[in-house]
Amino acid sequence: MIKRIVMGLLLGLVLATPALALDRGDWVLGRWQGGKFWFPGVVQQAGGGQVTIKYDDGTRETLPRKLVKRYDWSIGTRVECDWKGGGTWYRGNIVKLNGGNLTVAYDDGSRERTVTGRCRSR
């Protein structure tokens, strides 16, 4: 009996929790072309289960809602960044973050001040 009551309460909470809404201007992470990497960008339009993102690197695409999440990078987040914009990606951790500017400490010991448009996460 108690189990039924608890399960009923939990189900009620789940059903009462609204889906995470995304609005124009929200900073998000999108899985570029449905791939394995999350890239930062800003919602341009959302509706009908689709989200159009203008990525921080200037590209744009429309994705299914399930491939978009709120921007959640913070100090300590593992990222891969395009070293000096040269096309070679290296792994590291964010050690400083100020809006779209960040400092990454790479696994090889080097550091770089860069922008979110040159980084991605898994």
PDB file of N, CA and C in Angstrom:
ATOM      1  N   MET A   1       0.814  -1.192   0.000  1.00  0.00           N
ATOM      2  CA  MET A   1       0.000   0.000   0.000  1.00  0.00           C
ATOM      3  C   MET A   1       0.868   1.271   0.000  1.00  0.00           C
ATOM      4  N   ILE A   2       1.863   1.304   0.896  1.00  0.00           N
ATOM      5  CA  ILE A   2       2.739   2.475   0.960  1.00  0.00           C
ATOM      6  C   ILE A   2       3.505   2.618  -0.352  1.00  0.00           C
ATOM      7  N   LYS A   3       3.928   1.497  -0.905  1.00  0.00           N
ATOM      8  CA  LYS A   3       4.654   1.537  -2.176  1.00  0.00           C
ATOM      9  C   LYS A   3       3.794   2.180  -3.261  1.00  0.00           C
ATOM     10  N   ARG A   4       2.502   1.847  -3.312  1.00  0.00           N
ATOM     11  CA  ARG A   4       1.604   2.435  -4.307  1.00  0.00           C
ATOM     12  C   ARG A   4       1.476   3.945  -4.117  1.00  0.00           C
ATOM     13  N   ILE A   5       1.381   4.366  -2.877  1.00  0.00           N
ATOM     14  CA  ILE A   5       1.240   5.797  -2.592  1.00  0.00           C
ATOM     15  C   ILE A   5       2.499   6.542  -3.031  1.00  0.00           C
ATOM     16  N   VAL A   6       3.658   6.022  -2.679  1.00  0.00           N
ATOM     17  CA  VAL A   6       4.925   6.658  -3.062  1.00  0.00           C
ATOM     18  C   VAL A   6       5.051   6.694  -4.573  1.00  0.00           C
ATOM     19  N   MET A   7       4.758   5.599  -5.249  1.00  0.00           N
ATOM     20  CA  MET A   7       4.851   5.567  -6.716  1.00  0.00           C
ATOM     21  C   MET A   7       3.888   6.576  -7.339  1.00  0.00           C
ATOM     22  N   GLY A   8       2.703   6.694  -6.783  1.00  0.00           N
ATOM     23  CA  GLY A   8       1.733   7.667  -7.289  1.00  0.00           C
ATOM     24  C   GLY A   8       2.229   9.093  -7.129  1.00  0.00           C
ATOM     25  N   LEU A   9       2.823   9.379  -5.965  1.00  0.00           N
ATOM     26  CA  LEU A   9       3.375  10.717  -5.736  1.00  0.00           C
ATOM     27  C   LEU A   9       4.515  11.019  -6.700  1.00  0.00           C
ATOM     28  N   LEU A  10       5.401  10.054  -6.904  1.00  0.00           N
ATOM     29  CA  LEU A  10       6.519  10.246  -7.832  1.00  0.00           C
ATOM     30  C   LEU A  10       6.027  10.465  -9.255  1.00  0.00           C
ATOM     31  N   LEU A  11       5.051   9.675  -9.680  1.00  0.00           N
ATOM     32  CA  LEU A  11       4.505   9.837 -11.030  1.00  0.00           C
ATOM     33  C   LEU A  11       3.892  11.222 -11.175  1.00  0.00           C
ATOM     34  N   GLY A  12       3.191  11.672 -10.140  1.00  0.00           N
ATOM     35  CA  GLY A  12       2.598  13.005 -10.179  1.00  0.00           C
ATOM     36  C   GLY A  12       3.643  14.095 -10.324  1.00  0.00           C
ATOM     37  N   LEU A  13       4.759  13.950  -9.631  1.00  0.00           N
ATOM     38  CA  LEU A  13       5.839  14.929  -9.744  1.00  0.00           C
ATOM     39  C   LEU A  13       6.431  14.947 -11.144  1.00  0.00           C
ATOM     40  N   VAL A  14       6.637  13.767 -11.714  1.00  0.00           N
ATOM     41  CA  VAL A  14       7.201  13.678 -13.061  1.00  0.00           C
ATOM     42  C   VAL A  14       6.268  14.322 -14.066  1.00  0.00           C
ATOM     43  N   LEU A  15       4.985  14.031 -13.974  1.00  0.00           N
ATOM     44  CA  LEU A  15       4.023  14.586 -14.926  1.00  0.00           C
ATOM     45  C   LEU A  15       3.827  16.084 -14.738  1.00  0.00           C
ATOM     46  N   ALA A  16       4.019  16.576 -13.515  1.00  0.00           N
ATOM     47  CA  ALA A  16       3.840  18.004 -13.239  1.00  0.00           C
ATOM     48  C   ALA A  16       5.054  18.834 -13.617  1.00  0.00           C
ATOM     49  N   THR A  17       6.212  18.200 -13.837  1.00  0.00           N
ATOM     50  CA  THR A  17       7.426  18.929 -14.181  1.00  0.00           C
ATOM     51  C   THR A  17       7.396  19.280 -15.668  1.00  0.00           C
ATOM     52  N   PRO A  18       7.389  20.560 -16.008  1.00  0.00           N
ATOM     53  CA  PRO A  18       7.339  20.925 -17.424  1.00  0.00           C
ATOM     54  C   PRO A  18       8.635  20.564 -18.140  1.00  0.00           C
ATOM     55  N   ALA A  19       8.526  20.261 -19.418  1.00  0.00           N
ATOM     56  CA  ALA A  19       9.714  19.992 -20.225  1.00  0.00           C
ATOM     57  C   ALA A  19      10.562  21.255 -20.267  1.00  0.00           C
ATOM     58  N   LEU A  20      11.850  21.084 -20.356  1.00  0.00           N
ATOM     59  CA  LEU A  20      12.753  22.211 -20.389  1.00  0.00           C
ATOM     60  C   LEU A  20      12.502  23.019 -21.657  1.00  0.00           C
ATOM     61  N   ALA A  21      11.986  24.209 -21.483  1.00  0.00           N
ATOM     62  CA  ALA A  21      11.674  25.065 -22.623  1.00  0.00           C
ATOM     63  C   ALA A  21      12.919  25.823 -23.052  1.00  0.00           C
ATOM     64  N   LEU A  22      13.064  26.001 -24.338  1.00  0.00           N
ATOM     65  CA  LEU A  22      14.153  26.803 -24.883  1.00  0.00           C
ATOM     66  C   LEU A  22      13.546  27.993 -25.605  1.00  0.00           C
ATOM     67  N   ASP A  23      14.111  29.151 -25.367  1.00  0.00           N
ATOM     68  CA  ASP A  23      13.628  30.375 -25.985  1.00  0.00           C
ATOM     69  C   ASP A  23      14.719  31.014 -26.816  1.00  0.00           C
ATOM     70  N   ARG A  24      14.306  31.832 -27.765  1.00  0.00           N
ATOM     71  CA  ARG A  24      15.248  32.597 -28.579  1.00  0.00           C
ATOM     72  C   ARG A  24      16.204  33.345 -27.642  1.00  0.00           C
ATOM     73  N   GLY A  25      17.501  33.246 -27.928  1.00  0.00           N
ATOM     74  CA  GLY A  25      18.502  33.932 -27.128  1.00  0.00           C
ATOM     75  C   GLY A  25      19.147  33.076 -26.057  1.00  0.00           C
ATOM     76  N   ASP A  26      18.581  31.893 -25.768  1.00  0.00           N
ATOM     77  CA  ASP A  26      19.184  31.014 -24.768  1.00  0.00           C
ATOM     78  C   ASP A  26      20.494  30.443 -25.292  1.00  0.00           C
ATOM     79  N   TRP A  27      21.481  30.381 -24.422  1.00  0.00           N
ATOM     80  CA  TRP A  27      22.779  29.787 -24.763  1.00  0.00           C
ATOM     81  C   TRP A  27      22.664  28.293 -24.518  1.00  0.00           C
ATOM     82  N   VAL A  28      22.996  27.504 -25.518  1.00  0.00           N
ATOM     83  CA  VAL A  28      22.819  26.057 -25.464  1.00  0.00           C
ATOM     84  C   VAL A  28      24.045  25.334 -26.014  1.00  0.00           C
ATOM     85  N   LEU A  29      24.006  24.018 -25.906  1.00  0.00           N
ATOM     86  CA  LEU A  29      24.961  23.140 -26.571  1.00  0.00           C
ATOM     87  C   LEU A  29      24.162  22.269 -27.522  1.00  0.00           C
ATOM     88  N   GLY A  30      24.613  22.186 -28.763  1.00  0.00           N
ATOM     89  CA  GLY A  30      23.939  21.359 -29.758  1.00  0.00           C
ATOM     90  C   GLY A  30      24.897  20.333 -30.320  1.00  0.00           C
ATOM     91  N   ARG A  31      24.367  19.168 -30.656  1.00  0.00           N
ATOM     92  CA  ARG A  31      25.200  18.105 -31.230  1.00  0.00           C
ATOM     93  C   ARG A  31      25.235  18.292 -32.742  1.00  0.00           C
ATOM     94  N   TRP A  32      26.263  19.008 -33.190  1.00  0.00           N
ATOM     95  CA  TRP A  32      26.447  19.358 -34.601  1.00  0.00           C
ATOM     96  C   TRP A  32      26.223  18.140 -35.489  1.00  0.00           C
ATOM     97  N   GLN A  33      25.285  18.262 -36.409  1.00  0.00           N
ATOM     98  CA  GLN A  33      24.938  17.225 -37.377  1.00  0.00           C
ATOM     99  C   GLN A  33      24.660  15.874 -36.707  1.00  0.00           C
ATOM    100  N   GLY A  34      24.170  15.919 -35.473  1.00  0.00           N
ATOM    101  CA  GLY A  34      23.821  14.700 -34.754  1.00  0.00           C
ATOM    102  C   GLY A  34      25.009  13.881 -34.318  1.00  0.00           C
ATOM    103  N   GLY A  35      26.215  14.442 -34.414  1.00  0.00           N
ATOM    104  CA  GLY A  35      27.443  13.724 -34.061  1.00  0.00           C
ATOM    105  C   GLY A  35      27.638  13.586 -32.567  1.00  0.00           C
ATOM    106  N   LYS A  36      28.857  13.248 -32.178  1.00  0.00           N
ATOM    107  CA  LYS A  36      29.142  12.988 -30.766  1.00  0.00           C
ATOM    108  C   LYS A  36      29.581  14.219 -29.978  1.00  0.00           C
ATOM    109  N   PHE A  37      29.834  15.328 -30.648  1.00  0.00           N
ATOM    110  CA  PHE A  37      30.338  16.517 -29.964  1.00  0.00           C
ATOM    111  C   PHE A  37      29.241  17.552 -29.739  1.00  0.00           C
ATOM    112  N   TRP A  38      29.313  18.208 -28.580  1.00  0.00           N
ATOM    113  CA  TRP A  38      28.418  19.315 -28.224  1.00  0.00           C
ATOM    114  C   TRP A  38      29.144  20.622 -28.510  1.00  0.00           C
ATOM    115  N   PHE A  39      28.535  21.501 -29.270  1.00  0.00           N
ATOM    116  CA  PHE A  39      29.097  22.800 -29.604  1.00  0.00           C
ATOM    117  C   PHE A  39      28.188  23.903 -29.046  1.00  0.00           C
ATOM    118  N   PRO A  40      28.771  24.983 -28.511  1.00  0.00           N
ATOM    119  CA  PRO A  40      27.972  26.067 -27.949  1.00  0.00           C
ATOM    120  C   PRO A  40      27.389  26.981 -29.010  1.00  0.00           C
ATOM    121  N   GLY A  41      26.194  27.471 -28.706  1.00  0.00           N
ATOM    122  CA  GLY A  41      25.537  28.407 -29.612  1.00  0.00           C
ATOM    123  C   GLY A  41      24.321  29.025 -28.950  1.00  0.00           C
ATOM    124  N   VAL A  42      23.599  29.826 -29.718  1.00  0.00           N
ATOM    125  CA  VAL A  42      22.439  30.559 -29.217  1.00  0.00           C
ATOM    126  C   VAL A  42      21.209  30.153 -30.019  1.00  0.00           C
ATOM    127  N   VAL A  43      20.105  29.912 -29.312  1.00  0.00           N
ATOM    128  CA  VAL A  43      18.852  29.552 -29.957  1.00  0.00           C
ATOM    129  C   VAL A  43      18.362  30.729 -30.796  1.00  0.00           C
ATOM    130  N   GLN A  44      18.090  30.458 -32.060  1.00  0.00           N
ATOM    131  CA  GLN A  44      17.511  31.459 -32.947  1.00  0.00           C
ATOM    132  C   GLN A  44      15.999  31.282 -33.041  1.00  0.00           C
ATOM    133  N   GLN A  45      15.558  30.010 -32.972  1.00  0.00           N
ATOM    134  CA  GLN A  45      14.144  29.694 -33.074  1.00  0.00           C
ATOM    135  C   GLN A  45      13.920  28.312 -32.478  1.00  0.00           C
ATOM    136  N   ALA A  46      12.792  28.129 -31.804  1.00  0.00           N
ATOM    137  CA  ALA A  46      12.461  26.827 -31.228  1.00  0.00           C
ATOM    138  C   ALA A  46      10.962  26.603 -31.345  1.00  0.00           C
ATOM    139  N   GLY A  47      10.606  25.391 -31.720  1.00  0.00           N
ATOM    140  CA  GLY A  47       9.196  25.037 -31.821  1.00  0.00           C
ATOM    141  C   GLY A  47       9.017  23.776 -32.630  1.00  0.00           C
ATOM    142  N   GLY A  48       7.910  23.094 -32.387  1.00  0.00           N
ATOM    143  CA  GLY A  48       7.608  21.886 -33.146  1.00  0.00           C
ATOM    144  C   GLY A  48       8.649  20.792 -32.978  1.00  0.00           C
ATOM    145  N   GLY A  49       9.309  20.765 -31.822  1.00  0.00           N
ATOM    146  CA  GLY A  49      10.320  19.739 -31.583  1.00  0.00           C
ATOM    147  C   GLY A  49      11.648  19.998 -32.262  1.00  0.00           C
ATOM    148  N   GLN A  50      11.824  21.186 -32.847  1.00  0.00           N
ATOM    149  CA  GLN A  50      13.053  21.561 -33.545  1.00  0.00           C
ATOM    150  C   GLN A  50      13.643  22.815 -32.916  1.00  0.00           C
ATOM    151  N   VAL A  51      14.965  22.923 -32.971  1.00  0.00           N
ATOM    152  CA  VAL A  51      15.663  24.106 -32.450  1.00  0.00           C
ATOM    153  C   VAL A  51      16.686  24.555 -33.488  1.00  0.00           C
ATOM    154  N   THR A  52      16.623  25.811 -33.872  1.00  0.00           N
ATOM    155  CA  THR A  52      17.622  26.376 -34.775  1.00  0.00           C
ATOM    156  C   THR A  52      18.656  27.099 -33.924  1.00  0.00           C
ATOM    157  N   ILE A  53      19.926  26.724 -34.131  1.00  0.00           N
ATOM    158  CA  ILE A  53      21.033  27.268 -33.344  1.00  0.00           C
ATOM    159  C   ILE A  53      21.993  28.011 -34.246  1.00  0.00           C
ATOM    160  N   LYS A  54      22.421  29.185 -33.791  1.00  0.00           N
ATOM    161  CA  LYS A  54      23.562  29.861 -34.402  1.00  0.00           C
ATOM    162  C   LYS A  54      24.722  29.580 -33.460  1.00  0.00           C
ATOM    163  N   TYR A  55      25.638  28.731 -33.930  1.00  0.00           N
ATOM    164  CA  TYR A  55      26.770  28.336 -33.093  1.00  0.00           C
ATOM    165  C   TYR A  55      27.733  29.496 -32.913  1.00  0.00           C
ATOM    166  N   ASP A  56      28.512  29.424 -31.833  1.00  0.00           N
ATOM    167  CA  ASP A  56      29.462  30.486 -31.516  1.00  0.00           C
ATOM    168  C   ASP A  56      30.540  30.641 -32.589  1.00  0.00           C
ATOM    169  N   ASP A  57      30.733  29.609 -33.429  1.00  0.00           N
ATOM    170  CA  ASP A  57      31.709  29.726 -34.523  1.00  0.00           C
ATOM    171  C   ASP A  57      31.097  30.340 -35.778  1.00  0.00           C
ATOM    172  N   GLY A  58      29.800  30.715 -35.724  1.00  0.00           N
ATOM    173  CA  GLY A  58      29.135  31.377 -36.846  1.00  0.00           C
ATOM    174  C   GLY A  58      28.295  30.465 -37.716  1.00  0.00           C
ATOM    175  N   THR A  59      28.435  29.140 -37.591  1.00  0.00           N
ATOM    176  CA  THR A  59      27.609  28.226 -38.379  1.00  0.00           C
ATOM    177  C   THR A  59      26.208  28.155 -37.773  1.00  0.00           C
ATOM    178  N   ARG A  60      25.294  27.561 -38.528  1.00  0.00           N
ATOM    179  CA  ARG A  60      23.902  27.509 -38.097  1.00  0.00           C
ATOM    180  C   ARG A  60      23.298  26.179 -38.543  1.00  0.00           C
ATOM    181  N   GLU A  61      22.412  25.625 -37.714  1.00  0.00           N
ATOM    182  CA  GLU A  61      21.670  24.431 -38.120  1.00  0.00           C
ATOM    183  C   GLU A  61      20.416  24.276 -37.271  1.00  0.00           C
ATOM    184  N   THR A  62      19.497  23.456 -37.777  1.00  0.00           N
ATOM    185  CA  THR A  62      18.277  23.118 -37.056  1.00  0.00           C
ATOM    186  C   THR A  62      18.368  21.655 -36.651  1.00  0.00           C
ATOM    187  N   LEU A  63      18.134  21.407 -35.368  1.00  0.00           N
ATOM    188  CA  LEU A  63      18.266  20.065 -34.794  1.00  0.00           C
ATOM    189  C   LEU A  63      16.968  19.646 -34.111  1.00  0.00           C
ATOM    190  N   PRO A  64      16.763  18.326 -33.967  1.00  0.00           N
ATOM    191  CA  PRO A  64      15.679  17.874 -33.102  1.00  0.00           C
ATOM    192  C   PRO A  64      15.960  18.309 -31.663  1.00  0.00           C
ATOM    193  N   ARG A  65      14.943  18.627 -30.908  1.00  0.00           N
ATOM    194  CA  ARG A  65      15.089  19.121 -29.526  1.00  0.00           C
ATOM    195  C   ARG A  65      15.952  18.194 -28.673  1.00  0.00           C
ATOM    196  N   LYS A  66      15.898  16.880 -28.912  1.00  0.00           N
ATOM    197  CA  LYS A  66      16.636  15.921 -28.082  1.00  0.00           C
ATOM    198  C   LYS A  66      18.155  16.047 -28.251  1.00  0.00           C
ATOM    199  N   LEU A  67      18.619  16.773 -29.279  1.00  0.00           N
ATOM    200  CA  LEU A  67      20.054  16.953 -29.508  1.00  0.00           C
ATOM    201  C   LEU A  67      20.545  18.326 -29.046  1.00  0.00           C
ATOM    202  N   VAL A  68      19.753  18.972 -28.186  1.00  0.00           N
ATOM    203  CA  VAL A  68      20.090  20.304 -27.669  1.00  0.00           C
ATOM    204  C   VAL A  68      19.916  20.287 -26.155  1.00  0.00           C
ATOM    205  N   LYS A  69      20.879  20.884 -25.452  1.00  0.00           N
ATOM    206  CA  LYS A  69      20.760  21.021 -23.999  1.00  0.00           C
ATOM    207  C   LYS A  69      21.252  22.397 -23.589  1.00  0.00           C
ATOM    208  N   ARG A  70      20.885  22.799 -22.394  1.00  0.00           N
ATOM    209  CA  ARG A  70      21.348  24.092 -21.867  1.00  0.00           C
ATOM    210  C   ARG A  70      22.871  24.107 -21.786  1.00  0.00           C
ATOM    211  N   TYR A  71      23.459  25.253 -22.031  1.00  0.00           N
ATOM    212  CA  TYR A  71      24.898  25.446 -21.901  1.00  0.00           C
ATOM    213  C   TYR A  71      25.271  25.180 -20.445  1.00  0.00           C
ATOM    214  N   ASP A  72      26.209  24.262 -20.234  1.00  0.00           N
ATOM    215  CA  ASP A  72      26.559  23.898 -18.865  1.00  0.00           C
ATOM    216  C   ASP A  72      28.065  23.874 -18.598  1.00  0.00           C
ATOM    217  N   TRP A  73      28.856  24.506 -19.462  1.00  0.00           N
ATOM    218  CA  TRP A  73      30.294  24.527 -19.226  1.00  0.00           C
ATOM    219  C   TRP A  73      30.603  25.414 -18.022  1.00  0.00           C
ATOM    220  N   SER A  74      31.591  24.966 -17.254  1.00  0.00           N
ATOM    221  CA  SER A  74      32.051  25.718 -16.095  1.00  0.00           C
ATOM    222  C   SER A  74      33.529  25.383 -15.882  1.00  0.00           C
ATOM    223  N   ILE A  75      34.130  26.004 -14.893  1.00  0.00           N
ATOM    224  CA  ILE A  75      35.528  25.695 -14.586  1.00  0.00           C
ATOM    225  C   ILE A  75      35.612  24.201 -14.248  1.00  0.00           C
ATOM    226  N   GLY A  76      36.565  23.527 -14.884  1.00  0.00           N
ATOM    227  CA  GLY A  76      36.738  22.094 -14.699  1.00  0.00           C
ATOM    228  C   GLY A  76      36.134  21.241 -15.791  1.00  0.00           C
ATOM    229  N   THR A  77      35.267  21.816 -16.619  1.00  0.00           N
ATOM    230  CA  THR A  77      34.648  21.042 -17.699  1.00  0.00           C
ATOM    231  C   THR A  77      35.704  20.572 -18.689  1.00  0.00           C
ATOM    232  N   ARG A  78      35.613  19.299 -19.088  1.00  0.00           N
ATOM    233  CA  ARG A  78      36.495  18.737 -20.120  1.00  0.00           C
ATOM    234  C   ARG A  78      36.009  19.219 -21.481  1.00  0.00           C
ATOM    235  N   VAL A  79      36.936  19.761 -22.260  1.00  0.00           N
ATOM    236  CA  VAL A  79      36.625  20.242 -23.609  1.00  0.00           C
ATOM    237  C   VAL A  79      37.737  19.825 -24.559  1.00  0.00           C
ATOM    238  N   GLU A  80      37.462  19.988 -25.815  1.00  0.00           N
ATOM    239  CA  GLU A  80      38.473  19.879 -26.864  1.00  0.00           C
ATOM    240  C   GLU A  80      38.415  21.200 -27.610  1.00  0.00           C
ATOM    241  N   CYS A  81      39.568  21.804 -27.827  1.00  0.00           N
ATOM    242  CA  CYS A  81      39.589  23.102 -28.499  1.00  0.00           C
ATOM    243  C   CYS A  81      40.541  23.068 -29.691  1.00  0.00           C
ATOM    244  N   ASP A  82      40.191  23.881 -30.664  1.00  0.00           N
ATOM    245  CA  ASP A  82      40.972  24.032 -31.888  1.00  0.00           C
ATOM    246  C   ASP A  82      42.144  24.965 -31.581  1.00  0.00           C
ATOM    247  N   TRP A  83      43.316  24.368 -31.354  1.00  0.00           N
ATOM    248  CA  TRP A  83      44.508  25.112 -30.946  1.00  0.00           C
ATOM    249  C   TRP A  83      44.797  26.249 -31.907  1.00  0.00           C
ATOM    250  N   LYS A  84      44.725  27.463 -31.407  1.00  0.00           N
ATOM    251  CA  LYS A  84      45.013  28.687 -32.169  1.00  0.00           C
ATOM    252  C   LYS A  84      44.241  28.775 -33.484  1.00  0.00           C
ATOM    253  N   GLY A  85      43.127  28.045 -33.581  1.00  0.00           N
ATOM    254  CA  GLY A  85      42.291  28.086 -34.788  1.00  0.00           C
ATOM    255  C   GLY A  85      42.924  27.417 -35.984  1.00  0.00           C
ATOM    256  N   GLY A  86      43.919  26.560 -35.743  1.00  0.00           N
ATOM    257  CA  GLY A  86      44.652  25.924 -36.830  1.00  0.00           C
ATOM    258  C   GLY A  86      44.083  24.610 -37.335  1.00  0.00           C
ATOM    259  N   GLY A  87      42.985  24.126 -36.737  1.00  0.00           N
ATOM    260  CA  GLY A  87      42.367  22.900 -37.220  1.00  0.00           C
ATOM    261  C   GLY A  87      42.764  21.632 -36.476  1.00  0.00           C
ATOM    262  N   THR A  88      43.634  21.750 -35.475  1.00  0.00           N
ATOM    263  CA  THR A  88      44.024  20.592 -34.679  1.00  0.00           C
ATOM    264  C   THR A  88      43.381  20.718 -33.303  1.00  0.00           C
ATOM    265  N   TRP A  89      42.613  19.697 -32.900  1.00  0.00           N
ATOM    266  CA  TRP A  89      41.859  19.719 -31.655  1.00  0.00           C
ATOM    267  C   TRP A  89      42.628  18.991 -30.552  1.00  0.00           C
ATOM    268  N   TYR A  90      42.695  19.624 -29.382  1.00  0.00           N
ATOM    269  CA  TYR A  90      43.367  19.040 -28.221  1.00  0.00           C
ATOM    270  C   TYR A  90      42.425  19.051 -27.023  1.00  0.00           C
ATOM    271  N   ARG A  91      42.603  18.053 -26.155  1.00  0.00           N
ATOM    272  CA  ARG A  91      41.773  17.932 -24.957  1.00  0.00           C
ATOM    273  C   ARG A  91      42.382  18.667 -23.774  1.00  0.00           C
ATOM    274  N   GLY A  92      41.483  19.218 -22.956  1.00  0.00           N
ATOM    275  CA  GLY A  92      41.922  19.891 -21.745  1.00  0.00           C
ATOM    276  C   GLY A  92      40.739  20.226 -20.862  1.00  0.00           C
ATOM    277  N   ASN A  93      40.998  21.030 -19.839  1.00  0.00           N
ATOM    278  CA  ASN A  93      39.968  21.470 -18.899  1.00  0.00           C
ATOM    279  C   ASN A  93      39.867  22.981 -18.915  1.00  0.00           C
ATOM    280  N   ILE A  94      38.656  23.483 -18.749  1.00  0.00           N
ATOM    281  CA  ILE A  94      38.464  24.925 -18.604  1.00  0.00           C
ATOM    282  C   ILE A  94      38.977  25.334 -17.223  1.00  0.00           C
ATOM    283  N   VAL A  95      39.891  26.317 -17.198  1.00  0.00           N
ATOM    284  CA  VAL A  95      40.417  26.800 -15.916  1.00  0.00           C
ATOM    285  C   VAL A  95      39.973  28.242 -15.623  1.00  0.00           C
ATOM    286  N   LYS A  96      39.486  28.933 -16.642  1.00  0.00           N
ATOM    287  CA  LYS A  96      38.976  30.286 -16.461  1.00  0.00           C
ATOM    288  C   LYS A  96      37.882  30.492 -17.493  1.00  0.00           C
ATOM    289  N   LEU A  97      36.797  31.133 -17.056  1.00  0.00           N
ATOM    290  CA  LEU A  97      35.637  31.301 -17.939  1.00  0.00           C
ATOM    291  C   LEU A  97      34.998  32.649 -17.673  1.00  0.00           C
ATOM    292  N   ASN A  98      34.813  33.423 -18.744  1.00  0.00           N
ATOM    293  CA  ASN A  98      34.181  34.725 -18.640  1.00  0.00           C
ATOM    294  C   ASN A  98      33.329  34.923 -19.884  1.00  0.00           C
ATOM    295  N   GLY A  99      32.060  34.526 -19.806  1.00  0.00           N
ATOM    296  CA  GLY A  99      31.193  34.598 -20.973  1.00  0.00           C
ATOM    297  C   GLY A  99      31.716  33.690 -22.064  1.00  0.00           C
ATOM    298  N   GLY A 100      31.939  34.243 -23.247  1.00  0.00           N
ATOM    299  CA  GLY A 100      32.435  33.468 -24.378  1.00  0.00           C
ATOM    300  C   GLY A 100      33.946  33.320 -24.423  1.00  0.00           C
ATOM    301  N   ASN A 101      34.648  33.904 -23.462  1.00  0.00           N
ATOM    302  CA  ASN A 101      36.111  33.788 -23.385  1.00  0.00           C
ATOM    303  C   ASN A 101      36.476  32.761 -22.329  1.00  0.00           C
ATOM    304  N   LEU A 102      37.483  31.951 -22.638  1.00  0.00           N
ATOM    305  CA  LEU A 102      37.909  30.949 -21.669  1.00  0.00           C
ATOM    306  C   LEU A 102      39.389  30.674 -21.796  1.00  0.00           C
ATOM    307  N   THR A 103      39.927  30.114 -20.717  1.00  0.00           N
ATOM    308  CA  THR A 103      41.309  29.640 -20.718  1.00  0.00           C
ATOM    309  C   THR A 103      41.249  28.145 -20.510  1.00  0.00           C
ATOM    310  N   VAL A 104      42.000  27.420 -21.352  1.00  0.00           N
ATOM    311  CA  VAL A 104      42.024  25.964 -21.298  1.00  0.00           C
ATOM    312  C   VAL A 104      43.419  25.507 -20.915  1.00  0.00           C
ATOM    313  N   ALA A 105      43.476  24.595 -19.956  1.00  0.00           N
ATOM    314  CA  ALA A 105      44.731  23.921 -19.601  1.00  0.00           C
ATOM    315  C   ALA A 105      44.688  22.573 -20.308  1.00  0.00           C
ATOM    316  N   TYR A 106      45.538  22.432 -21.326  1.00  0.00           N
ATOM    317  CA  TYR A 106      45.543  21.208 -22.123  1.00  0.00           C
ATOM    318  C   TYR A 106      46.264  20.080 -21.405  1.00  0.00           C
ATOM    319  N   ASP A 107      45.940  18.863 -21.805  1.00  0.00           N
ATOM    320  CA  ASP A 107      46.527  17.676 -21.182  1.00  0.00           C
ATOM    321  C   ASP A 107      48.046  17.622 -21.332  1.00  0.00           C
ATOM    322  N   ASP A 108      48.588  18.285 -22.361  1.00  0.00           N
ATOM    323  CA  ASP A 108      50.046  18.257 -22.567  1.00  0.00           C
ATOM    324  C   ASP A 108      50.774  19.322 -21.739  1.00  0.00           C
ATOM    325  N   GLY A 109      50.020  20.077 -20.918  1.00  0.00           N
ATOM    326  CA  GLY A 109      50.625  21.082 -20.051  1.00  0.00           C
ATOM    327  C   GLY A 109      50.556  22.499 -20.587  1.00  0.00           C
ATOM    328  N   SER A 110      50.222  22.682 -21.861  1.00  0.00           N
ATOM    329  CA  SER A 110      50.122  24.043 -22.404  1.00  0.00           C
ATOM    330  C   SER A 110      48.775  24.657 -22.032  1.00  0.00           C
ATOM    331  N   ARG A 111      48.701  25.977 -22.151  1.00  0.00           N
ATOM    332  CA  ARG A 111      47.474  26.730 -21.857  1.00  0.00           C
ATOM    333  C   ARG A 111      47.179  27.633 -23.039  1.00  0.00           C
ATOM    334  N   GLU A 112      45.905  27.953 -23.173  1.00  0.00           N
ATOM    335  CA  GLU A 112      45.511  28.863 -24.243  1.00  0.00           C
ATOM    336  C   GLU A 112      44.294  29.666 -23.813  1.00  0.00           C
ATOM    337  N   ARG A 113      44.339  30.970 -24.099  1.00  0.00           N
ATOM    338  CA  ARG A 113      43.144  31.799 -23.989  1.00  0.00           C
ATOM    339  C   ARG A 113      42.446  31.716 -25.323  1.00  0.00           C
ATOM    340  N   THR A 114      41.174  31.357 -25.313  1.00  0.00           N
ATOM    341  CA  THR A 114      40.446  31.155 -26.557  1.00  0.00           C
ATOM    342  C   THR A 114      38.990  31.570 -26.369  1.00  0.00           C
ATOM    343  N   VAL A 115      38.140  31.204 -27.300  1.00  0.00           N
ATOM    344  CA  VAL A 115      36.714  31.526 -27.241  1.00  0.00           C
ATOM    345  C   VAL A 115      35.908  30.242 -27.392  1.00  0.00           C
ATOM    346  N   THR A 116      34.671  30.294 -26.933  1.00  0.00           N
ATOM    347  CA  THR A 116      33.818  29.104 -26.979  1.00  0.00           C
ATOM    348  C   THR A 116      33.615  28.591 -28.406  1.00  0.00           C
ATOM    349  N   GLY A 117      33.669  29.472 -29.375  1.00  0.00           N
ATOM    350  CA  GLY A 117      33.481  29.075 -30.766  1.00  0.00           C
ATOM    351  C   GLY A 117      34.577  28.167 -31.319  1.00  0.00           C
ATOM    352  N   ARG A 118      35.653  28.020 -30.578  1.00  0.00           N
ATOM    353  CA  ARG A 118      36.742  27.124 -30.987  1.00  0.00           C
ATOM    354  C   ARG A 118      36.775  25.854 -30.136  1.00  0.00           C
ATOM    355  N   CYS A 119      35.738  25.619 -29.335  1.00  0.00           N
ATOM    356  CA  CYS A 119      35.752  24.468 -28.424  1.00  0.00           C
ATOM    357  C   CYS A 119      34.485  23.632 -28.562  1.00  0.00           C
ATOM    358  N   ARG A 120      34.601  22.393 -28.092  1.00  0.00           N
ATOM    359  CA  ARG A 120      33.495  21.445 -28.097  1.00  0.00           C
ATOM    360  C   ARG A 120      33.662  20.508 -26.898  1.00  0.00           C
ATOM    361  N   SER A 121      32.602  19.798 -26.564  1.00  0.00           N
ATOM    362  CA  SER A 121      32.685  18.820 -25.470  1.00  0.00           C
ATOM    363  C   SER A 121      32.031  17.519 -25.926  1.00  0.00           C
ATOM    364  N   ARG A 122      32.300  16.466 -25.165  1.00  0.00           N
ATOM    365  CA  ARG A 122      31.713  15.144 -25.477  1.00  0.00           C
ATOM    366  C   ARG A 122      30.542  14.854 -24.570  1.00  0.00           C
TER     367      ARG A 122
END
